[in-house]
Structure formats: C-alpha cells, structure tokens
Amino acid sequence: MKTSEPALPVHATAAQQQVLDRIAVQRERLRARRAARLQSQALAAVAGTEDADAPLLTRAIAFARQHPAAVAALAGVAIATGPRRLIRWAGVVLPLVMRLRR
C-alpha cells in the first residue's frame, strides 16, 4: 500500500470564492429561517389558545387539524347524502351561520 501524500492546499479562484460565499450566505439564511420557524411553532404550542376573533376559515382549518377523524366522518356523511340534499341543507344552514356571525 502506498502512503497517502499530504494534499496540497487548493486555492479557489475569485469566481469560485464568490460562489462559495453565496453558498455560505444561503446556508446561514436557511438556518435563520429554520430557527425562526421552530421558535414560532414553540410559541404557538405554548399559547395553545385559539383566537376567537380569527376568521371563520382559519378556525375551520384549525378544527380540521385538531380533529381529523371528525372531519373525515363529516366528509363521509356529506358524500353519502348526495349533492342535491347537501345543497338543500346548505341553503338552510348557511343563513343561520351568517346570522350568528353578526
């Protein structure tokens, strides 16, 4: 076996150094984004309370994330009832929901 010779130091050209610098900046930016996202998730987990003044769509999405089985069951019932009956019930329920929003 041959003994490995010490590697000669490789010097980057100016263009290569610019690329390496951009890569380093990008990696740092990604690390900062990841840290900010983790901090945001930690704060959201600590807060744990839902905003009562949040828009209906935001609250519906939060409910769907917290209760996926209930949403799946509701979707199954909606599919089983059929589109005609579903639209008829939406015509009854939607005005009630809109009245409650006021």
C-alpha atoms as a PDB file:
ATOM      1  CA  MET A   1       0.000   0.000   0.000  1.00  0.00           C
ATOM      2  CA  LYS A   2       1.051   3.469  -0.709  1.00  0.00           C
ATOM      3  CA  THR A   3       1.205   6.068   1.983  1.00  0.00           C
ATOM      4  CA  SER A   4      -1.017   8.986   1.259  1.00  0.00           C
ATOM      5  CA  GLU A   5       0.752  12.147   0.485  1.00  0.00           C
ATOM      6  CA  PRO A   6      -0.385  15.331   2.151  1.00  0.00           C
ATOM      7  CA  ALA A   7      -2.875  17.138  -0.015  1.00  0.00           C
ATOM      8  CA  LEU A   8      -1.800  20.395  -1.471  1.00  0.00           C
ATOM      9  CA  PRO A   9      -3.886  23.343  -0.359  1.00  0.00           C
ATOM     10  CA  VAL A  10      -6.405  24.232  -3.024  1.00  0.00           C
ATOM     11  CA  HIS A  11      -6.937  27.924  -3.587  1.00  0.00           C
ATOM     12  CA  ALA A  12     -10.227  28.961  -5.078  1.00  0.00           C
ATOM     13  CA  THR A  13     -10.308  31.436  -7.892  1.00  0.00           C
ATOM     14  CA  ALA A  14     -12.156  34.710  -7.399  1.00  0.00           C
ATOM     15  CA  ALA A  15     -15.256  33.401  -9.184  1.00  0.00           C
ATOM     16  CA  GLN A  16     -15.219  30.192  -7.156  1.00  0.00           C
ATOM     17  CA  GLN A  17     -14.815  32.168  -3.948  1.00  0.00           C
ATOM     18  CA  GLN A  18     -17.850  34.275  -4.841  1.00  0.00           C
ATOM     19  CA  VAL A  19     -19.890  31.105  -5.324  1.00  0.00           C
ATOM     20  CA  LEU A  20     -18.639  29.706  -2.018  1.00  0.00           C
ATOM     21  CA  ASP A  21     -19.532  32.969  -0.273  1.00  0.00           C
ATOM     22  CA  ARG A  22     -23.045  32.898  -1.755  1.00  0.00           C
ATOM     23  CA  ILE A  23     -23.462  29.304  -0.595  1.00  0.00           C
ATOM     24  CA  ALA A  24     -22.373  30.260   2.919  1.00  0.00           C
ATOM     25  CA  VAL A  25     -24.817  33.191   2.998  1.00  0.00           C
ATOM     26  CA  GLN A  26     -27.626  30.970   1.742  1.00  0.00           C
ATOM     27  CA  ARG A  27     -26.885  28.312   4.369  1.00  0.00           C
ATOM     28  CA  GLU A  28     -26.932  30.948   7.105  1.00  0.00           C
ATOM     29  CA  ARG A  29     -30.232  32.326   5.808  1.00  0.00           C
ATOM     30  CA  LEU A  30     -31.748  28.831   5.808  1.00  0.00           C
ATOM     31  CA  ARG A  31     -30.506  28.226   9.364  1.00  0.00           C
ATOM     32  CA  ALA A  32     -32.082  31.502  10.487  1.00  0.00           C
ATOM     33  CA  ARG A  33     -35.392  30.639   8.781  1.00  0.00           C
ATOM     34  CA  ARG A  34     -35.415  27.205  10.388  1.00  0.00           C
ATOM     35  CA  ALA A  35     -34.705  28.696  13.817  1.00  0.00           C
ATOM     36  CA  ALA A  36     -37.454  31.295  13.375  1.00  0.00           C
ATOM     37  CA  ARG A  37     -39.947  28.617  12.281  1.00  0.00           C
ATOM     38  CA  LEU A  38     -39.080  26.412  15.248  1.00  0.00           C
ATOM     39  CA  GLN A  39     -39.426  29.366  17.601  1.00  0.00           C
ATOM     40  CA  SER A  40     -42.787  30.272  16.074  1.00  0.00           C
ATOM     41  CA  GLN A  41     -44.019  26.692  16.445  1.00  0.00           C
ATOM     42  CA  ALA A  42     -42.843  26.596  20.054  1.00  0.00           C
ATOM     43  CA  LEU A  43     -44.649  29.847  20.846  1.00  0.00           C
ATOM     44  CA  ALA A  44     -47.818  28.574  19.177  1.00  0.00           C
ATOM     45  CA  ALA A  45     -47.635  25.349  21.182  1.00  0.00           C
ATOM     46  CA  VAL A  46     -47.150  27.262  24.431  1.00  0.00           C
ATOM     47  CA  ALA A  47     -50.000  29.665  23.674  1.00  0.00           C
ATOM     48  CA  GLY A  48     -52.332  26.796  22.848  1.00  0.00           C
ATOM     49  CA  THR A  49     -55.407  29.016  22.823  1.00  0.00           C
ATOM     50  CA  GLU A  50     -57.300  29.754  19.659  1.00  0.00           C
ATOM     51  CA  ASP A  51     -58.150  33.305  18.719  1.00  0.00           C
ATOM     52  CA  ALA A  52     -61.920  33.771  18.993  1.00  0.00           C
ATOM     53  CA  ASP A  53     -61.758  36.758  16.642  1.00  0.00           C
ATOM     54  CA  ALA A  54     -59.986  34.798  13.916  1.00  0.00           C
ATOM     55  CA  PRO A  55     -61.761  34.444  10.562  1.00  0.00           C
ATOM     56  CA  LEU A  56     -64.131  31.509  10.176  1.00  0.00           C
ATOM     57  CA  LEU A  57     -61.904  29.842   7.589  1.00  0.00           C
ATOM     58  CA  THR A  58     -58.889  29.998   9.919  1.00  0.00           C
ATOM     59  CA  ARG A  59     -60.876  28.477  12.768  1.00  0.00           C
ATOM     60  CA  ALA A  60     -62.249  25.774  10.454  1.00  0.00           C
ATOM     61  CA  ILE A  61     -58.730  24.846   9.348  1.00  0.00           C
ATOM     62  CA  ALA A  62     -57.567  24.737  12.970  1.00  0.00           C
ATOM     63  CA  PHE A  63     -60.519  22.499  13.845  1.00  0.00           C
ATOM     64  CA  ALA A  64     -59.734  20.204  10.913  1.00  0.00           C
ATOM     65  CA  ARG A  65     -56.123  19.863  12.072  1.00  0.00           C
ATOM     66  CA  GLN A  66     -57.137  19.118  15.652  1.00  0.00           C
ATOM     67  CA  HIS A  67     -59.974  16.710  14.810  1.00  0.00           C
ATOM     68  CA  PRO A  68     -59.190  14.849  11.578  1.00  0.00           C
ATOM     69  CA  ALA A  69     -61.474  11.910  12.412  1.00  0.00           C
ATOM     70  CA  ALA A  70     -64.481  14.200  12.891  1.00  0.00           C
ATOM     71  CA  VAL A  71     -63.762  15.944   9.592  1.00  0.00           C
ATOM     72  CA  ALA A  72     -63.418  12.591   7.822  1.00  0.00           C
ATOM     73  CA  ALA A  73     -66.726  11.435   9.306  1.00  0.00           C
ATOM     74  CA  LEU A  74     -68.411  14.662   8.218  1.00  0.00           C
ATOM     75  CA  ALA A  75     -66.993  14.275   4.710  1.00  0.00           C
ATOM     76  CA  GLY A  76     -68.283  10.693   4.609  1.00  0.00           C
ATOM     77  CA  VAL A  77     -71.752  11.814   5.647  1.00  0.00           C
ATOM     78  CA  ALA A  78     -71.668  14.580   3.031  1.00  0.00           C
ATOM     79  CA  ILE A  79     -70.751  12.089   0.321  1.00  0.00           C
ATOM     80  CA  ALA A  80     -73.412   9.626   1.463  1.00  0.00           C
ATOM     81  CA  THR A  81     -76.200  12.225   1.479  1.00  0.00           C
ATOM     82  CA  GLY A  82     -75.559  13.304  -2.071  1.00  0.00           C
ATOM     83  CA  PRO A  83     -75.119  16.693  -3.671  1.00  0.00           C
ATOM     84  CA  ARG A  84     -78.802  17.617  -4.028  1.00  0.00           C
ATOM     85  CA  ARG A  85     -79.620  17.088  -0.356  1.00  0.00           C
ATOM     86  CA  LEU A  86     -76.343  18.710   0.687  1.00  0.00           C
ATOM     87  CA  ILE A  87     -77.132  21.875  -1.294  1.00  0.00           C
ATOM     88  CA  ARG A  88     -80.649  21.945   0.156  1.00  0.00           C
ATOM     89  CA  TRP A  89     -79.272  21.754   3.715  1.00  0.00           C
ATOM     90  CA  ALA A  90     -76.633  24.362   2.932  1.00  0.00           C
ATOM     91  CA  GLY A  91     -79.460  26.701   1.899  1.00  0.00           C
ATOM     92  CA  VAL A  92     -80.977  26.232   5.365  1.00  0.00           C
ATOM     93  CA  VAL A  93     -77.814  26.234   7.483  1.00  0.00           C
ATOM     94  CA  LEU A  94     -75.810  28.968   5.738  1.00  0.00           C
ATOM     95  CA  PRO A  95     -78.220  31.826   6.620  1.00  0.00           C
ATOM     96  CA  LEU A  96     -78.206  30.646  10.249  1.00  0.00           C
ATOM     97  CA  VAL A  97     -74.416  30.661  10.355  1.00  0.00           C
ATOM     98  CA  MET A  98     -74.273  34.096   8.749  1.00  0.00           C
ATOM     99  CA  ARG A  99     -76.767  35.404  11.306  1.00  0.00           C
ATOM    100  CA  LEU A 100     -74.600  34.054  14.142  1.00  0.00           C
ATOM    101  CA  ARG A 101     -71.539  35.808  12.705  1.00  0.00           C
ATOM    102  CA  ARG A 102     -73.123  39.263  13.193  1.00  0.00           C
END
